Structure formats: C-alpha cells, structure tokens
Amino acid sequence: MAQEISAIESDLEETRERLAQTIDQLVYRVHPKTIVSREIAAVKAHFVDQNTGAPRTDNILKVVGGVVGVVALFVVVRKVAS
C-alpha cells in the first residue's frame, strides 16, 4: 500500500514536471520577440540560401518586379486621373 502511494506520488510529480516544461515551451513560442525572430528568419530564408549564404536572385527579382509594377500602376492612374 505504501509503495502504491509513493508510486502515485512519483507519477504525479513527473506529470507536473512535464506540464511545467510544456507551459514553458508554449510561453516561449508565443512571446512577441520569438515570433518576430521566427518571421525575420523566414523572410531571410526566402531571399538568402541558408546553405550557401548566396542571395536568391529569382525571389529578389520577383519582389522588385512587383514593386516596379505597383509604382508604374500608380503613375498611370495618377496621369489618367489628372
């Protein structure tokens, strides 16, 4: 009987420890600085090859092309509107 109680207490302590670790991980994941760091890393990975460190010119050119297209659209709309 005493062994069963100590086994149950041991199981409870292990469960508490696992829950505490899980809560710590969740707090870390949802911390604003962690989220910002993760998003910055994702954006950098889109424009820079993680293995070689070389820029991914195809993705860079796509973004530059999109920006140029939007600027050109605004210029045309402004000329038509005036």
N, C-alpha and C. Protein backbone atom coordinates (compact mmCIF):
# COMPACT_ATOMS: atom_id res chain seq x y z
N MET A 1 0.82 -1.20 0.00
CA MET A 1 0.00 0.00 0.00
C MET A 1 0.86 1.25 0.00
N ALA A 2 1.90 1.28 0.84
CA ALA A 2 2.78 2.44 0.89
C ALA A 2 3.54 2.60 -0.41
N GLN A 3 3.86 1.47 -1.04
CA GLN A 3 4.57 1.53 -2.32
C GLN A 3 3.65 2.10 -3.41
N GLU A 4 2.37 1.73 -3.36
CA GLU A 4 1.42 2.25 -4.34
C GLU A 4 1.28 3.76 -4.20
N ILE A 5 1.22 4.24 -2.97
CA ILE A 5 1.09 5.67 -2.73
C ILE A 5 2.33 6.40 -3.23
N SER A 6 3.50 5.86 -2.93
CA SER A 6 4.73 6.52 -3.39
C SER A 6 4.83 6.48 -4.91
N ALA A 7 4.35 5.40 -5.53
CA ALA A 7 4.36 5.32 -7.00
C ALA A 7 3.41 6.36 -7.59
N ILE A 8 2.25 6.52 -6.99
CA ILE A 8 1.29 7.53 -7.46
C ILE A 8 1.87 8.93 -7.29
N GLU A 9 2.50 9.19 -6.15
CA GLU A 9 3.12 10.49 -5.91
C GLU A 9 4.23 10.75 -6.92
N SER A 10 5.00 9.72 -7.22
CA SER A 10 6.07 9.85 -8.21
C SER A 10 5.49 10.17 -9.60
N ASP A 11 4.41 9.47 -9.96
CA ASP A 11 3.76 9.73 -11.25
C ASP A 11 3.22 11.15 -11.31
N LEU A 12 2.62 11.61 -10.22
CA LEU A 12 2.11 12.97 -10.18
C LEU A 12 3.22 13.99 -10.35
N GLU A 13 4.34 13.75 -9.69
CA GLU A 13 5.48 14.68 -9.80
C GLU A 13 6.03 14.72 -11.23
N GLU A 14 6.12 13.56 -11.86
CA GLU A 14 6.59 13.50 -13.25
C GLU A 14 5.61 14.24 -14.17
N THR A 15 4.32 14.06 -13.93
CA THR A 15 3.31 14.74 -14.74
C THR A 15 3.39 16.25 -14.55
N ARG A 16 3.57 16.69 -13.32
CA ARG A 16 3.72 18.13 -13.06
C ARG A 16 4.93 18.69 -13.79
N GLU A 17 6.02 17.96 -13.77
CA GLU A 17 7.25 18.41 -14.43
C GLU A 17 7.04 18.52 -15.95
N ARG A 18 6.38 17.52 -16.53
CA ARG A 18 6.11 17.56 -17.97
C ARG A 18 5.19 18.74 -18.32
N LEU A 19 4.18 18.96 -17.49
CA LEU A 19 3.28 20.08 -17.73
C LEU A 19 4.01 21.41 -17.61
N ALA A 20 4.88 21.53 -16.63
CA ALA A 20 5.65 22.76 -16.46
C ALA A 20 6.54 23.01 -17.68
N GLN A 21 7.17 21.96 -18.19
CA GLN A 21 8.02 22.11 -19.38
C GLN A 21 7.18 22.51 -20.59
N THR A 22 6.01 21.90 -20.73
CA THR A 22 5.13 22.23 -21.85
C THR A 22 4.68 23.67 -21.78
N ILE A 23 4.32 24.14 -20.60
CA ILE A 23 3.90 25.53 -20.43
C ILE A 23 5.05 26.47 -20.74
N ASP A 24 6.26 26.13 -20.29
CA ASP A 24 7.43 26.96 -20.59
C ASP A 24 7.66 27.05 -22.10
N GLN A 25 7.51 25.93 -22.81
CA GLN A 25 7.68 25.93 -24.26
C GLN A 25 6.62 26.79 -24.93
N LEU A 26 5.38 26.68 -24.48
CA LEU A 26 4.31 27.48 -25.07
C LEU A 26 4.52 28.97 -24.83
N VAL A 27 4.95 29.32 -23.63
CA VAL A 27 5.21 30.73 -23.32
C VAL A 27 6.32 31.25 -24.22
N TYR A 28 7.36 30.44 -24.42
CA TYR A 28 8.46 30.86 -25.30
C TYR A 28 7.97 31.04 -26.74
N ARG A 29 7.17 30.11 -27.23
CA ARG A 29 6.70 30.17 -28.62
C ARG A 29 5.82 31.38 -28.90
N VAL A 30 5.02 31.80 -27.93
CA VAL A 30 4.09 32.90 -28.18
C VAL A 30 4.64 34.25 -27.74
N HIS A 31 5.86 34.27 -27.24
CA HIS A 31 6.46 35.55 -26.84
C HIS A 31 6.68 36.39 -28.09
N PRO A 32 6.32 37.67 -28.07
CA PRO A 32 6.44 38.51 -29.27
C PRO A 32 7.83 38.53 -29.88
N LYS A 33 8.88 38.57 -29.07
CA LYS A 33 10.24 38.58 -29.63
C LYS A 33 10.54 37.28 -30.37
N THR A 34 10.05 36.18 -29.85
CA THR A 34 10.26 34.89 -30.52
C THR A 34 9.53 34.85 -31.85
N ILE A 35 8.30 35.36 -31.86
CA ILE A 35 7.52 35.38 -33.09
C ILE A 35 8.21 36.27 -34.14
N VAL A 36 8.68 37.44 -33.73
CA VAL A 36 9.36 38.35 -34.65
C VAL A 36 10.63 37.70 -35.19
N SER A 37 11.40 37.08 -34.32
CA SER A 37 12.64 36.41 -34.76
C SER A 37 12.34 35.31 -35.76
N ARG A 38 11.29 34.54 -35.49
CA ARG A 38 10.93 33.45 -36.39
C ARG A 38 10.49 33.99 -37.75
N GLU A 39 9.73 35.08 -37.77
CA GLU A 39 9.27 35.65 -39.03
C GLU A 39 10.42 36.28 -39.81
N ILE A 40 11.35 36.94 -39.11
CA ILE A 40 12.51 37.51 -39.77
C ILE A 40 13.34 36.42 -40.41
N ALA A 41 13.52 35.32 -39.69
CA ALA A 41 14.28 34.19 -40.24
C ALA A 41 13.59 33.62 -41.48
N ALA A 42 12.26 33.58 -41.46
CA ALA A 42 11.53 33.06 -42.62
C ALA A 42 11.70 33.97 -43.83
N VAL A 43 11.65 35.29 -43.61
CA VAL A 43 11.82 36.23 -44.72
C VAL A 43 13.24 36.14 -45.26
N LYS A 44 14.23 36.09 -44.37
CA LYS A 44 15.61 35.96 -44.81
C LYS A 44 15.81 34.68 -45.60
N ALA A 45 15.19 33.59 -45.16
CA ALA A 45 15.32 32.31 -45.86
C ALA A 45 14.73 32.40 -47.26
N HIS A 46 13.73 33.27 -47.45
CA HIS A 46 13.12 33.43 -48.77
C HIS A 46 14.08 34.14 -49.73
N PHE A 47 14.92 35.02 -49.20
CA PHE A 47 15.80 35.82 -50.06
C PHE A 47 17.26 35.38 -50.03
N VAL A 48 17.65 34.54 -49.07
CA VAL A 48 19.04 34.09 -48.96
C VAL A 48 19.06 32.58 -48.77
N ASP A 49 19.88 31.88 -49.55
CA ASP A 49 20.01 30.44 -49.42
C ASP A 49 20.68 30.12 -48.09
N GLN A 50 20.03 29.31 -47.26
CA GLN A 50 20.54 29.01 -45.93
C GLN A 50 21.83 28.20 -45.97
N ASN A 51 22.00 27.36 -46.98
CA ASN A 51 23.19 26.50 -47.05
C ASN A 51 24.43 27.26 -47.52
N THR A 52 24.26 28.09 -48.54
CA THR A 52 25.43 28.75 -49.13
C THR A 52 25.57 30.21 -48.71
N GLY A 53 24.48 30.82 -48.29
CA GLY A 53 24.51 32.24 -47.95
C GLY A 53 24.39 33.14 -49.17
N ALA A 54 24.21 32.54 -50.32
CA ALA A 54 24.09 33.31 -51.57
C ALA A 54 22.67 33.86 -51.69
N PRO A 55 22.55 35.07 -52.25
CA PRO A 55 21.21 35.63 -52.43
C PRO A 55 20.42 34.84 -53.47
N ARG A 56 19.14 34.73 -53.26
CA ARG A 56 18.26 34.06 -54.22
C ARG A 56 17.72 35.12 -55.16
N THR A 57 18.45 35.32 -56.25
CA THR A 57 18.12 36.42 -57.16
C THR A 57 16.75 36.27 -57.78
N ASP A 58 16.29 35.04 -58.01
CA ASP A 58 14.96 34.88 -58.60
C ASP A 58 13.88 35.44 -57.70
N ASN A 59 13.95 35.19 -56.41
CA ASN A 59 12.95 35.74 -55.48
C ASN A 59 13.11 37.24 -55.34
N ILE A 60 14.33 37.72 -55.32
CA ILE A 60 14.57 39.16 -55.20
C ILE A 60 14.00 39.88 -56.42
N LEU A 61 14.25 39.32 -57.61
CA LEU A 61 13.75 39.94 -58.84
C LEU A 61 12.22 39.94 -58.90
N LYS A 62 11.60 38.89 -58.38
CA LYS A 62 10.13 38.85 -58.35
C LYS A 62 9.58 40.00 -57.50
N VAL A 63 10.18 40.22 -56.34
CA VAL A 63 9.71 41.29 -55.46
C VAL A 63 9.96 42.65 -56.08
N VAL A 64 11.15 42.84 -56.65
CA VAL A 64 11.48 44.12 -57.30
C VAL A 64 10.52 44.36 -58.46
N GLY A 65 10.24 43.33 -59.24
CA GLY A 65 9.29 43.46 -60.35
C GLY A 65 7.91 43.85 -59.87
N GLY A 66 7.47 43.25 -58.77
CA GLY A 66 6.17 43.59 -58.21
C GLY A 66 6.11 45.04 -57.75
N VAL A 67 7.17 45.50 -57.09
CA VAL A 67 7.21 46.89 -56.62
C VAL A 67 7.21 47.85 -57.80
N VAL A 68 8.01 47.56 -58.82
CA VAL A 68 8.05 48.41 -60.01
C VAL A 68 6.68 48.44 -60.69
N GLY A 69 6.02 47.29 -60.75
CA GLY A 69 4.68 47.23 -61.35
C GLY A 69 3.67 48.07 -60.60
N VAL A 70 3.71 48.02 -59.28
CA VAL A 70 2.77 48.81 -58.47
C VAL A 70 3.05 50.30 -58.63
N VAL A 71 4.32 50.68 -58.64
CA VAL A 71 4.67 52.09 -58.83
C VAL A 71 4.21 52.56 -60.20
N ALA A 72 4.44 51.73 -61.23
CA ALA A 72 4.01 52.10 -62.58
C ALA A 72 2.48 52.24 -62.64
N LEU A 73 1.78 51.36 -61.96
CA LEU A 73 0.32 51.45 -61.92
C LEU A 73 -0.13 52.76 -61.28
N PHE A 74 0.48 53.15 -60.18
CA PHE A 74 0.14 54.42 -59.54
C PHE A 74 0.43 55.60 -60.44
N VAL A 75 1.54 55.56 -61.17
CA VAL A 75 1.88 56.66 -62.08
C VAL A 75 0.84 56.76 -63.18
N VAL A 76 0.46 55.63 -63.76
CA VAL A 76 -0.54 55.64 -64.84
C VAL A 76 -1.89 56.11 -64.31
N VAL A 77 -2.31 55.63 -63.17
CA VAL A 77 -3.59 56.04 -62.59
C VAL A 77 -3.58 57.52 -62.29
N ARG A 78 -2.47 58.03 -61.80
CA ARG A 78 -2.39 59.46 -61.47
C ARG A 78 -2.47 60.32 -62.74
N LYS A 79 -1.80 59.85 -63.82
CA LYS A 79 -1.85 60.63 -65.08
C LYS A 79 -3.25 60.60 -65.67
N VAL A 80 -3.91 59.46 -65.59
CA VAL A 80 -5.26 59.35 -66.13
C VAL A 80 -6.23 60.20 -65.32
N ALA A 81 -6.05 60.23 -64.01
CA ALA A 81 -6.97 60.96 -63.14
C ALA A 81 -6.78 62.46 -63.24
N SER A 82 -5.60 62.93 -63.66
CA SER A 82 -5.38 64.39 -63.69
C SER A 82 -5.72 65.01 -65.01
